[in-house]
PDB file of N, CA and C in Angstrom:
ATOM      1  N   UNK A   1      73.412  86.882 102.439  1.00  0.00           N
ATOM      2  CA  UNK A   1      74.567  87.759 103.467  1.00  0.00           C
ATOM      3  C   UNK A   1      73.990  87.818 104.793  1.00  0.00           C
ATOM      4  N   UNK A   2      73.782  86.804 105.816  1.00  0.00           N
ATOM      5  CA  UNK A   2      72.972  86.739 107.239  1.00  0.00           C
ATOM      6  C   UNK A   2      73.237  87.944 107.632  1.00  0.00           C
ATOM      7  N   UNK A   3      71.786  88.579 108.082  1.00  0.00           N
ATOM      8  CA  UNK A   3      72.001  90.207 109.036  1.00  0.00           C
ATOM      9  C   UNK A   3      72.399  89.823 110.717  1.00  0.00           C
ATOM     10  N   UNK A   4      73.713  90.623 110.737  1.00  0.00           N
ATOM     11  CA  UNK A   4      73.765  90.602 112.145  1.00  0.00           C
ATOM     12  C   UNK A   4      72.898  91.820 113.235  1.00  0.00           C
ATOM     13  N   UNK A   5      73.044  90.849 114.438  1.00  0.00           N
ATOM     14  CA  UNK A   5      72.178  91.601 115.892  1.00  0.00           C
ATOM     15  C   UNK A   5      73.131  92.548 116.280  1.00  0.00           C
ATOM     16  N   UNK A   6      72.435  93.383 116.355  1.00  0.00           N
ATOM     17  CA  UNK A   6      72.784  94.599 117.514  1.00  0.00           C
ATOM     18  C   UNK A   6      73.333  94.181 118.914  1.00  0.00           C
ATOM     19  N   UNK A   7      74.034  94.584 119.379  1.00  0.00           N
ATOM     20  CA  UNK A   7      74.849  94.317 120.653  1.00  0.00           C
ATOM     21  C   UNK A   7      73.570  95.425 121.870  1.00  0.00           C
ATOM     22  N   UNK A   8      73.834  95.166 122.539  1.00  0.00           N
ATOM     23  CA  UNK A   8      72.817  96.058 123.448  1.00  0.00           C
ATOM     24  C   UNK A   8      73.165  96.926 123.329  1.00  0.00           C
ATOM     25  N   UNK A   9      74.315  97.698 123.251  1.00  0.00           N
ATOM     26  CA  UNK A   9      74.780  99.276 123.451  1.00  0.00           C
ATOM     27  C   UNK A   9      73.893  99.975 122.355  1.00  0.00           C
ATOM     28  N   UNK A  10      74.089  98.857 120.680  1.00  0.00           N
ATOM     29  CA  UNK A  10      73.612  99.579 119.445  1.00  0.00           C
ATOM     30  C   UNK A  10      72.112  99.405 119.427  1.00  0.00           C
ATOM     31  N   UNK A  11      71.327  98.821 120.423  1.00  0.00           N
ATOM     32  CA  UNK A  11      70.085  98.790 120.725  1.00  0.00           C
ATOM     33  C   UNK A  11      69.880  99.981 121.590  1.00  0.00           C
ATOM     34  N   UNK A  12      70.419 100.220 122.904  1.00  0.00           N
ATOM     35  CA  UNK A  12      70.639 101.243 123.553  1.00  0.00           C
ATOM     36  C   UNK A  12      70.559 102.532 122.859  1.00  0.00           C
ATOM     37  N   UNK A  13      71.394 102.835 122.020  1.00  0.00           N
ATOM     38  CA  UNK A  13      71.971 103.734 121.304  1.00  0.00           C
ATOM     39  C   UNK A  13      70.618 104.097 120.272  1.00  0.00           C
ATOM     40  N   UNK A  14      69.715 103.256 119.842  1.00  0.00           N
ATOM     41  CA  UNK A  14      69.240 103.094 118.485  1.00  0.00           C
ATOM     42  C   UNK A  14      67.839 103.700 119.301  1.00  0.00           C
ATOM     43  N   UNK A  15      67.758 102.889 120.315  1.00  0.00           N
ATOM     44  CA  UNK A  15      66.360 103.577 120.859  1.00  0.00           C
ATOM     45  C   UNK A  15      66.142 104.905 121.175  1.00  0.00           C
ATOM     46  N   UNK A  16      67.121 105.111 121.964  1.00  0.00           N
ATOM     47  CA  UNK A  16      67.200 106.838 122.606  1.00  0.00           C
ATOM     48  C   UNK A  16      66.771 107.793 120.937  1.00  0.00           C
ATOM     49  N   UNK A  17      66.951 107.727 120.184  1.00  0.00           N
ATOM     50  CA  UNK A  17      66.586 107.830 118.563  1.00  0.00           C
ATOM     51  C   UNK A  17      65.215 108.003 118.362  1.00  0.00           C
ATOM     52  N   UNK A  18      64.208 106.872 119.426  1.00  0.00           N
ATOM     53  CA  UNK A  18      62.996 107.117 118.167  1.00  0.00           C
ATOM     54  C   UNK A  18      62.057 106.804 119.601  1.00  0.00           C
ATOM     55  N   UNK A  19      62.081 108.178 119.787  1.00  0.00           N
ATOM     56  CA  UNK A  19      60.579 108.234 121.299  1.00  0.00           C
ATOM     57  C   UNK A  19      59.463 107.160 121.097  1.00  0.00           C
ATOM     58  N   UNK A  20      59.171 106.555 121.998  1.00  0.00           N
ATOM     59  CA  UNK A  20      57.835 105.264 122.296  1.00  0.00           C
ATOM     60  C   UNK A  20      58.129 104.274 122.100  1.00  0.00           C
ATOM     61  N   UNK A  21      59.142 104.126 121.581  1.00  0.00           N
ATOM     62  CA  UNK A  21      59.324 102.331 120.347  1.00  0.00           C
ATOM     63  C   UNK A  21      60.196 102.049 122.587  1.00  0.00           C
ATOM     64  N   UNK A  22      60.270 100.222 122.890  1.00  0.00           N
ATOM     65  CA  UNK A  22      60.895 100.174 123.516  1.00  0.00           C
ATOM     66  C   UNK A  22      61.021  98.635 123.081  1.00  0.00           C
ATOM     67  N   UNK A  23      61.972  98.092 124.246  1.00  0.00           N
ATOM     68  CA  UNK A  23      62.026  96.632 123.675  1.00  0.00           C
ATOM     69  C   UNK A  23      61.555  95.648 124.977  1.00  0.00           C
ATOM     70  N   UNK A  24      60.292  94.769 124.296  1.00  0.00           N
ATOM     71  CA  UNK A  24      59.921  93.912 125.028  1.00  0.00           C
ATOM     72  C   UNK A  24      59.201  92.583 124.212  1.00  0.00           C
ATOM     73  N   UNK A  25      60.565  91.799 125.234  1.00  0.00           N
ATOM     74  CA  UNK A  25      60.253  90.007 125.290  1.00  0.00           C
ATOM     75  C   UNK A  25      61.313  90.269 123.798  1.00  0.00           C
ATOM     76  N   UNK A  26      61.987  90.700 124.070  1.00  0.00           N
ATOM     77  CA  UNK A  26      63.094  90.454 122.831  1.00  0.00           C
ATOM     78  C   UNK A  26      62.670  91.829 121.416  1.00  0.00           C
ATOM     79  N   UNK A  27      61.765  91.591 121.272  1.00  0.00           N
ATOM     80  CA  UNK A  27      60.894  92.910 120.296  1.00  0.00           C
ATOM     81  C   UNK A  27      61.645  94.009 120.023  1.00  0.00           C
ATOM     82  N   UNK A  28      60.951  94.889 119.277  1.00  0.00           N
ATOM     83  CA  UNK A  28      61.104  96.155 119.185  1.00  0.00           C
ATOM     84  C   UNK A  28      59.584  96.642 119.074  1.00  0.00           C
ATOM     85  N   UNK A  29      59.563  97.339 119.827  1.00  0.00           N
ATOM     86  CA  UNK A  29      57.763  96.964 119.901  1.00  0.00           C
ATOM     87  C   UNK A  29      57.252  98.626 120.288  1.00  0.00           C
ATOM     88  N   UNK A  30      55.841  98.978 119.479  1.00  0.00           N
ATOM     89  CA  UNK A  30      55.548 100.551 119.887  1.00  0.00           C
ATOM     90  C   UNK A  30      54.118 100.170 119.554  1.00  0.00           C
ATOM     91  N   UNK A  31      53.030 101.344 121.048  1.00  0.00           N
ATOM     92  CA  UNK A  31      51.484 101.479 120.369  1.00  0.00           C
ATOM     93  C   UNK A  31      51.465 103.277 119.561  1.00  0.00           C
ATOM     94  N   UNK A  32      51.006 102.938 118.943  1.00  0.00           N
ATOM     95  CA  UNK A  32      50.270 104.073 118.529  1.00  0.00           C
ATOM     96  C   UNK A  32      48.746 104.333 118.858  1.00  0.00           C
ATOM     97  N   UNK A  33      48.301 105.431 118.917  1.00  0.00           N
ATOM     98  CA  UNK A  33      46.734 106.480 119.556  1.00  0.00           C
ATOM     99  C   UNK A  33      46.207 107.147 118.414  1.00  0.00           C
ATOM    100  N   UNK A  34      45.065 107.105 117.749  1.00  0.00           N
ATOM    101  CA  UNK A  34      45.007 107.422 116.837  1.00  0.00           C
ATOM    102  C   UNK A  34      43.288 108.214 116.867  1.00  0.00           C
ATOM    103  N   UNK A  35      43.183 108.882 115.904  1.00  0.00           N
ATOM    104  CA  UNK A  35      41.493 109.759 116.339  1.00  0.00           C
ATOM    105  C   UNK A  35      40.511 108.037 116.280  1.00  0.00           C
ATOM    106  N   UNK A  36      40.081 107.574 115.268  1.00  0.00           N
ATOM    107  CA  UNK A  36      39.395 106.394 115.441  1.00  0.00           C
ATOM    108  C   UNK A  36      39.260 105.303 114.769  1.00  0.00           C
ATOM    109  N   UNK A  37      38.924 104.681 114.393  1.00  0.00           N
ATOM    110  CA  UNK A  37      39.172 103.642 113.258  1.00  0.00           C
ATOM    111  C   UNK A  37      39.653 102.888 112.322  1.00  0.00           C
ATOM    112  N   UNK A  38      38.960 103.918 111.046  1.00  0.00           N
ATOM    113  CA  UNK A  38      39.379 104.954 109.778  1.00  0.00           C
ATOM    114  C   UNK A  38      40.628 104.957 109.768  1.00  0.00           C
ATOM    115  N   UNK A  39      41.283 105.923 110.819  1.00  0.00           N
ATOM    116  CA  UNK A  39      42.587 106.394 110.943  1.00  0.00           C
ATOM    117  C   UNK A  39      43.951 104.733 111.603  1.00  0.00           C
ATOM    118  N   UNK A  40      43.688 104.123 112.066  1.00  0.00           N
ATOM    119  CA  UNK A  40      43.933 103.711 112.711  1.00  0.00           C
ATOM    120  C   UNK A  40      44.373 102.692 111.336  1.00  0.00           C
ATOM    121  N   UNK A  41      43.264 101.968 110.639  1.00  0.00           N
ATOM    122  CA  UNK A  41      43.083 100.751 109.608  1.00  0.00           C
ATOM    123  C   UNK A  41      44.367 101.711 109.067  1.00  0.00           C
ATOM    124  N   UNK A  42      43.938 103.665 108.079  1.00  0.00           N
ATOM    125  CA  UNK A  42      44.458 103.839 107.397  1.00  0.00           C
ATOM    126  C   UNK A  42      46.426 103.521 107.574  1.00  0.00           C
ATOM    127  N   UNK A  43      46.327 103.690 109.090  1.00  0.00           N
ATOM    128  CA  UNK A  43      48.039 104.098 108.877  1.00  0.00           C
ATOM    129  C   UNK A  43      48.311 102.451 109.249  1.00  0.00           C
ATOM    130  N   UNK A  44      47.541 101.342 109.460  1.00  0.00           N
ATOM    131  CA  UNK A  44      48.091  99.687 108.913  1.00  0.00           C
ATOM    132  C   UNK A  44      48.638  99.840 107.955  1.00  0.00           C
ATOM    133  N   UNK A  45      47.462  99.888 106.790  1.00  0.00           N
ATOM    134  CA  UNK A  45      47.984  99.842 105.100  1.00  0.00           C
ATOM    135  C   UNK A  45      48.951 100.911 104.693  1.00  0.00           C
ATOM    136  N   UNK A  46      49.632 101.935 105.495  1.00  0.00           N
ATOM    137  CA  UNK A  46      50.617 102.623 104.828  1.00  0.00           C
ATOM    138  C   UNK A  46      51.607 101.676 105.731  1.00  0.00           C
ATOM    139  N   UNK A  47      51.675 101.204 107.075  1.00  0.00           N
ATOM    140  CA  UNK A  47      53.161 100.138 107.606  1.00  0.00           C
ATOM    141  C   UNK A  47      52.788  99.260 106.786  1.00  0.00           C
ATOM    142  N   UNK A  48      52.198  98.517 106.166  1.00  0.00           N
ATOM    143  CA  UNK A  48      52.267  97.622 105.321  1.00  0.00           C
ATOM    144  C   UNK A  48      52.479  97.792 104.060  1.00  0.00           C
ATOM    145  N   UNK A  49      52.767  98.831 103.433  1.00  0.00           N
ATOM    146  CA  UNK A  49      53.542  99.774 102.253  1.00  0.00           C
ATOM    147  C   UNK A  49      54.929  99.701 102.661  1.00  0.00           C
ATOM    148  N   UNK A  50      54.913  99.978 103.631  1.00  0.00           N
ATOM    149  CA  UNK A  50      56.588 100.100 104.154  1.00  0.00           C
ATOM    150  C   UNK A  50      57.443  99.011 104.343  1.00  0.00           C
ATOM    151  N   UNK A  51      56.160  98.309 104.772  1.00  0.00           N
ATOM    152  CA  UNK A  51      57.212  96.967 105.565  1.00  0.00           C
ATOM    153  C   UNK A  51      57.315  96.296 103.668  1.00  0.00           C
ATOM    154  N   UNK A  52      56.323  96.057 102.793  1.00  0.00           N
ATOM    155  CA  UNK A  52      56.834  95.210 101.109  1.00  0.00           C
ATOM    156  C   UNK A  52      57.942  96.637 101.104  1.00  0.00           C
ATOM    157  N   UNK A  53      58.226  97.636 101.468  1.00  0.00           N
ATOM    158  CA  UNK A  53      58.921  97.838 100.542  1.00  0.00           C
ATOM    159  C   UNK A  53      60.181  97.249 100.810  1.00  0.00           C
ATOM    160  N   UNK A  54      60.801  96.936 102.359  1.00  0.00           N
ATOM    161  CA  UNK A  54      61.640  96.962 102.906  1.00  0.00           C
ATOM    162  C   UNK A  54      62.144  95.624 102.662  1.00  0.00           C
ATOM    163  N   UNK A  55      60.385  94.933 102.536  1.00  0.00           N
ATOM    164  CA  UNK A  55      60.617  92.879 102.778  1.00  0.00           C
ATOM    165  C   UNK A  55      60.856  92.614 104.049  1.00  0.00           C
ATOM    166  N   UNK A  56      60.463  93.786 105.128  1.00  0.00           N
ATOM    167  CA  UNK A  56      60.862  92.659 106.408  1.00  0.00           C
ATOM    168  C   UNK A  56      59.441  93.956 107.259  1.00  0.00           C
ATOM    169  N   UNK A  57      58.977  92.566 107.595  1.00  0.00           N
ATOM    170  CA  UNK A  57      57.282  92.199 108.236  1.00  0.00           C
ATOM    171  C   UNK A  57      57.295  92.513 109.659  1.00  0.00           C
ATOM    172  N   UNK A  58      56.637  93.108 110.258  1.00  0.00           N
ATOM    173  CA  UNK A  58      56.686  93.532 111.740  1.00  0.00           C
ATOM    174  C   UNK A  58      54.469  92.810 112.078  1.00  0.00           C
ATOM    175  N   UNK A  59      54.934  91.546 113.111  1.00  0.00           N
ATOM    176  CA  UNK A  59      53.336  91.380 113.932  1.00  0.00           C
ATOM    177  C   UNK A  59      52.636  93.096 113.926  1.00  0.00           C
ATOM    178  N   UNK A  60      51.495  93.112 113.682  1.00  0.00           N
ATOM    179  CA  UNK A  60      50.610  94.424 113.359  1.00  0.00           C
ATOM    180  C   UNK A  60      49.217  94.046 114.630  1.00  0.00           C
ATOM    181  N   UNK A  61      49.123  95.125 115.186  1.00  0.00           N
ATOM    182  CA  UNK A  61      47.773  94.873 115.827  1.00  0.00           C
ATOM    183  C   UNK A  61      47.238  95.741 115.754  1.00  0.00           C
ATOM    184  N   UNK A  62      45.523  95.686 115.197  1.00  0.00           N
ATOM    185  CA  UNK A  62      44.691  96.468 114.865  1.00  0.00           C
ATOM    186  C   UNK A  62      43.626  96.533 116.015  1.00  0.00           C
ATOM    187  N   UNK A  63      43.704  97.695 116.700  1.00  0.00           N
ATOM    188  CA  UNK A  63      42.283  97.934 117.290  1.00  0.00           C
ATOM    189  C   UNK A  63      41.068  98.688 116.996  1.00  0.00           C
ATOM    190  N   UNK A  64      40.426  99.619 117.719  1.00  0.00           N
ATOM    191  CA  UNK A  64      39.771 100.463 117.216  1.00  0.00           C
ATOM    192  C   UNK A  64      39.814 101.067 116.976  1.00  0.00           C
ATOM    193  N   UNK A  65      40.553 102.208 118.063  1.00  0.00           N
ATOM    194  CA  UNK A  65      41.622 103.156 117.659  1.00  0.00           C
ATOM    195  C   UNK A  65      43.452 103.347 117.887  1.00  0.00           C
ATOM    196  N   UNK A  66      43.952 102.186 117.741  1.00  0.00           N
ATOM    197  CA  UNK A  66      45.363 101.473 118.431  1.00  0.00           C
ATOM    198  C   UNK A  66      45.614 100.851 117.637  1.00  0.00           C
ATOM    199  N   UNK A  67      46.814 100.735 117.093  1.00  0.00           N
ATOM    200  CA  UNK A  67      47.987 100.223 116.153  1.00  0.00           C
ATOM    201  C   UNK A  67      48.760  99.626 116.758  1.00  0.00           C
ATOM    202  N   UNK A  68      49.513  98.494 116.828  1.00  0.00           N
ATOM    203  CA  UNK A  68      50.422  97.682 117.772  1.00  0.00           C
ATOM    204  C   UNK A  68      51.774  97.249 116.865  1.00  0.00           C
ATOM    205  N   UNK A  69      52.572  97.594 117.118  1.00  0.00           N
ATOM    206  CA  UNK A  69      53.935  96.905 115.976  1.00  0.00           C
ATOM    207  C   UNK A  69      54.757  95.992 117.573  1.00  0.00           C
ATOM    208  N   UNK A  70      55.266  95.004 116.232  1.00  0.00           N
ATOM    209  CA  UNK A  70      56.453  94.076 117.055  1.00  0.00           C
ATOM    210  C   UNK A  70      56.983  93.702 116.313  1.00  0.00           C
ATOM    211  N   UNK A  71      58.749  93.827 116.201  1.00  0.00           N
ATOM    212  CA  UNK A  71      58.810  93.087 115.449  1.00  0.00           C
ATOM    213  C   UNK A  71      60.373  93.014 115.970  1.00  0.00           C
ATOM    214  N   UNK A  72      61.041  91.519 115.089  1.00  0.00           N
ATOM    215  CA  UNK A  72      62.386  91.360 115.252  1.00  0.00           C
ATOM    216  C   UNK A  72      62.703  90.795 114.134  1.00  0.00           C
ATOM    217  N   UNK A  73      63.899  90.142 113.820  1.00  0.00           N
ATOM    218  CA  UNK A  73      64.094  89.087 112.818  1.00  0.00           C
ATOM    219  C   UNK A  73      64.392  88.371 112.606  1.00  0.00           C
ATOM    220  N   UNK A  74      64.027  87.162 112.523  1.00  0.00           N
ATOM    221  CA  UNK A  74      63.795  85.638 111.970  1.00  0.00           C
ATOM    222  C   UNK A  74      65.527  85.277 111.569  1.00  0.00           C
ATOM    223  N   UNK A  75      65.938  85.842 110.515  1.00  0.00           N
ATOM    224  CA  UNK A  75      67.101  84.908 110.072  1.00  0.00           C
ATOM    225  C   UNK A  75      68.253  85.582 110.930  1.00  0.00           C
ATOM    226  N   UNK A  76      67.775  86.167 111.828  1.00  0.00           N
ATOM    227  CA  UNK A  76      69.254  86.554 112.890  1.00  0.00           C
ATOM    228  C   UNK A  76      68.560  85.608 113.888  1.00  0.00           C
ATOM    229  N   UNK A  77      67.727  84.888 114.402  1.00  0.00           N
ATOM    230  CA  UNK A  77      67.530  83.876 115.288  1.00  0.00           C
ATOM    231  C   UNK A  77      66.555  84.711 116.325  1.00  0.00           C
ATOM    232  N   UNK A  78      65.607  85.886 115.504  1.00  0.00           N
ATOM    233  CA  UNK A  78      65.028  86.464 116.759  1.00  0.00           C
ATOM    234  C   UNK A  78      65.722  87.307 117.457  1.00  0.00           C
ATOM    235  N   UNK A  79      66.617  87.569 116.831  1.00  0.00           N
ATOM    236  CA  UNK A  79      67.392  89.064 117.709  1.00  0.00           C
ATOM    237  C   UNK A  79      67.275  90.518 116.560  1.00  0.00           C
ATOM    238  N   UNK A  80      67.270  91.878 117.530  1.00  0.00           N
ATOM    239  CA  UNK A  80      66.951  92.908 117.015  1.00  0.00           C
ATOM    240  C   UNK A  80      68.348  92.942 116.168  1.00  0.00           C
ATOM    241  N   UNK A  81      67.933  93.754 114.704  1.00  0.00           N
ATOM    242  CA  UNK A  81      69.186  94.303 113.500  1.00  0.00           C
ATOM    243  C   UNK A  81      68.455  95.774 113.439  1.00  0.00           C
ATOM    244  N   UNK A  82      69.619  95.778 112.588  1.00  0.00           N
ATOM    245  CA  UNK A  82      69.555  97.087 111.627  1.00  0.00           C
ATOM    246  C   UNK A  82      67.976  96.711 110.884  1.00  0.00           C
ATOM    247  N   UNK A  83      67.573  96.085 110.133  1.00  0.00           N
ATOM    248  CA  UNK A  83      66.786  96.134 109.443  1.00  0.00           C
ATOM    249  C   UNK A  83      65.208  96.224 110.651  1.00  0.00           C
ATOM    250  N   UNK A  84      65.139  96.242 111.724  1.00  0.00           N
ATOM    251  CA  UNK A  84      64.375  96.599 112.419  1.00  0.00           C
ATOM    252  C   UNK A  84      63.994  97.695 112.791  1.00  0.00           C
ATOM    253  N   UNK A  85      65.234  98.267 113.367  1.00  0.00           N
ATOM    254  CA  UNK A  85      65.529  99.987 113.478  1.00  0.00           C
ATOM    255  C   UNK A  85      64.884 100.847 112.318  1.00  0.00           C
ATOM    256  N   UNK A  86      65.752 100.204 111.073  1.00  0.00           N
ATOM    257  CA  UNK A  86      65.256 100.649 109.456  1.00  0.00           C
ATOM    258  C   UNK A  86      63.949 100.931 110.099  1.00  0.00           C
ATOM    259  N   UNK A  87      63.283 100.152 109.799  1.00  0.00           N
ATOM    260  CA  UNK A  87      61.714  99.870 109.535  1.00  0.00           C
ATOM    261  C   UNK A  87      60.523 100.824 110.812  1.00  0.00           C
ATOM    262  N   UNK A  88      61.100 100.426 111.500  1.00  0.00           N
ATOM    263  CA  UNK A  88      61.140 101.200 113.234  1.00  0.00           C
ATOM    264  C   UNK A  88      60.753 102.774 112.688  1.00  0.00           C
ATOM    265  N   UNK A  89      62.107 103.641 112.512  1.00  0.00           N
ATOM    266  CA  UNK A  89      62.344 104.551 112.290  1.00  0.00           C
ATOM    267  C   UNK A  89      61.141 105.455 110.777  1.00  0.00           C
ATOM    268  N   UNK A  90      61.114 104.560 109.897  1.00  0.00           N
ATOM    269  CA  UNK A  90      59.693 104.599 108.547  1.00  0.00           C
ATOM    270  C   UNK A  90      59.236 105.316 109.060  1.00  0.00           C
ATOM    271  N   UNK A  91      58.196 104.159 110.314  1.00  0.00           N
ATOM    272  CA  UNK A  91      56.885 104.182 110.698  1.00  0.00           C
ATOM    273  C   UNK A  91      56.881 105.362 111.526  1.00  0.00           C
ATOM    274  N   UNK A  92      57.959 105.622 112.642  1.00  0.00           N
ATOM    275  CA  UNK A  92      57.912 106.764 112.879  1.00  0.00           C
ATOM    276  C   UNK A  92      58.095 107.826 112.107  1.00  0.00           C
ATOM    277  N   UNK A  93      58.372 108.126 110.843  1.00  0.00           N
ATOM    278  CA  UNK A  93      58.352 109.459 110.235  1.00  0.00           C
ATOM    279  C   UNK A  93      56.838 109.437 109.440  1.00  0.00           C
ATOM    280  N   UNK A  94      56.248 108.109 109.544  1.00  0.00           N
ATOM    281  CA  UNK A  94      54.741 108.330 108.495  1.00  0.00           C
ATOM    282  C   UNK A  94      53.521 108.552 109.909  1.00  0.00           C
ATOM    283  N   UNK A  95      53.829 108.218 110.825  1.00  0.00           N
ATOM    284  CA  UNK A  95      52.860 108.393 112.119  1.00  0.00           C
ATOM    285  C   UNK A  95      52.160 109.667 111.855  1.00  0.00           C
ATOM    286  N   UNK A  96      52.952 110.855 112.281  1.00  0.00           N
ATOM    287  CA  UNK A  96      52.096 112.365 111.960  1.00  0.00           C
ATOM    288  C   UNK A  96      51.496 112.296 110.710  1.00  0.00           C
ATOM    289  N   UNK A  97      51.713 112.095 109.910  1.00  0.00           N
ATOM    290  CA  UNK A  97      50.665 112.124 108.470  1.00  0.00           C
ATOM    291  C   UNK A  97      49.077 111.414 109.074  1.00  0.00           C
ATOM    292  N   UNK A  98      49.708 110.736 109.494  1.00  0.00           N
ATOM    293  CA  UNK A  98      48.315 109.914 110.211  1.00  0.00           C
ATOM    294  C   UNK A  98      47.523 110.243 111.787  1.00  0.00           C
ATOM    295  N   UNK A  99      48.366 111.239 112.443  1.00  0.00           N
ATOM    296  CA  UNK A  99      47.676 112.166 113.309  1.00  0.00           C
ATOM    297  C   UNK A  99      48.269 111.024 114.494  1.00  0.00           C
ATOM    298  N   UNK A 100      48.861 110.121 114.379  1.00  0.00           N
ATOM    299  CA  UNK A 100      49.630 108.809 115.451  1.00  0.00           C
ATOM    300  C   UNK A 100      49.860 109.451 116.461  1.00  0.00           C
ATOM    301  N   UNK A 101      49.766 109.151 117.441  1.00  0.00           N
ATOM    302  CA  UNK A 101      50.231 109.711 118.830  1.00  0.00           C
ATOM    303  C   UNK A 101      51.053 108.461 119.447  1.00  0.00           C
TER     304      UNK A 101
END
């Protein structure tokens, strides 16, 4: 069963529930700052576990004390879908446990 793209209104409504997240170049994105490189790396590993559990993966960029995520749904032609927001919500919920801002 194909994943349906969300409408612009649905995307805007969902973004209101995810502080710090935005849509950039058609992708759902968020940058997090952490205490140091070790904390950022641990957060990336946690995000990878979340993604594996959802079978939906973002592009992740690890910096010294930053983690950047960028996601869209390939099977929906690169559009944003419910899968992208489900991933964002789980990452958002995990962030405080890592001290990610």
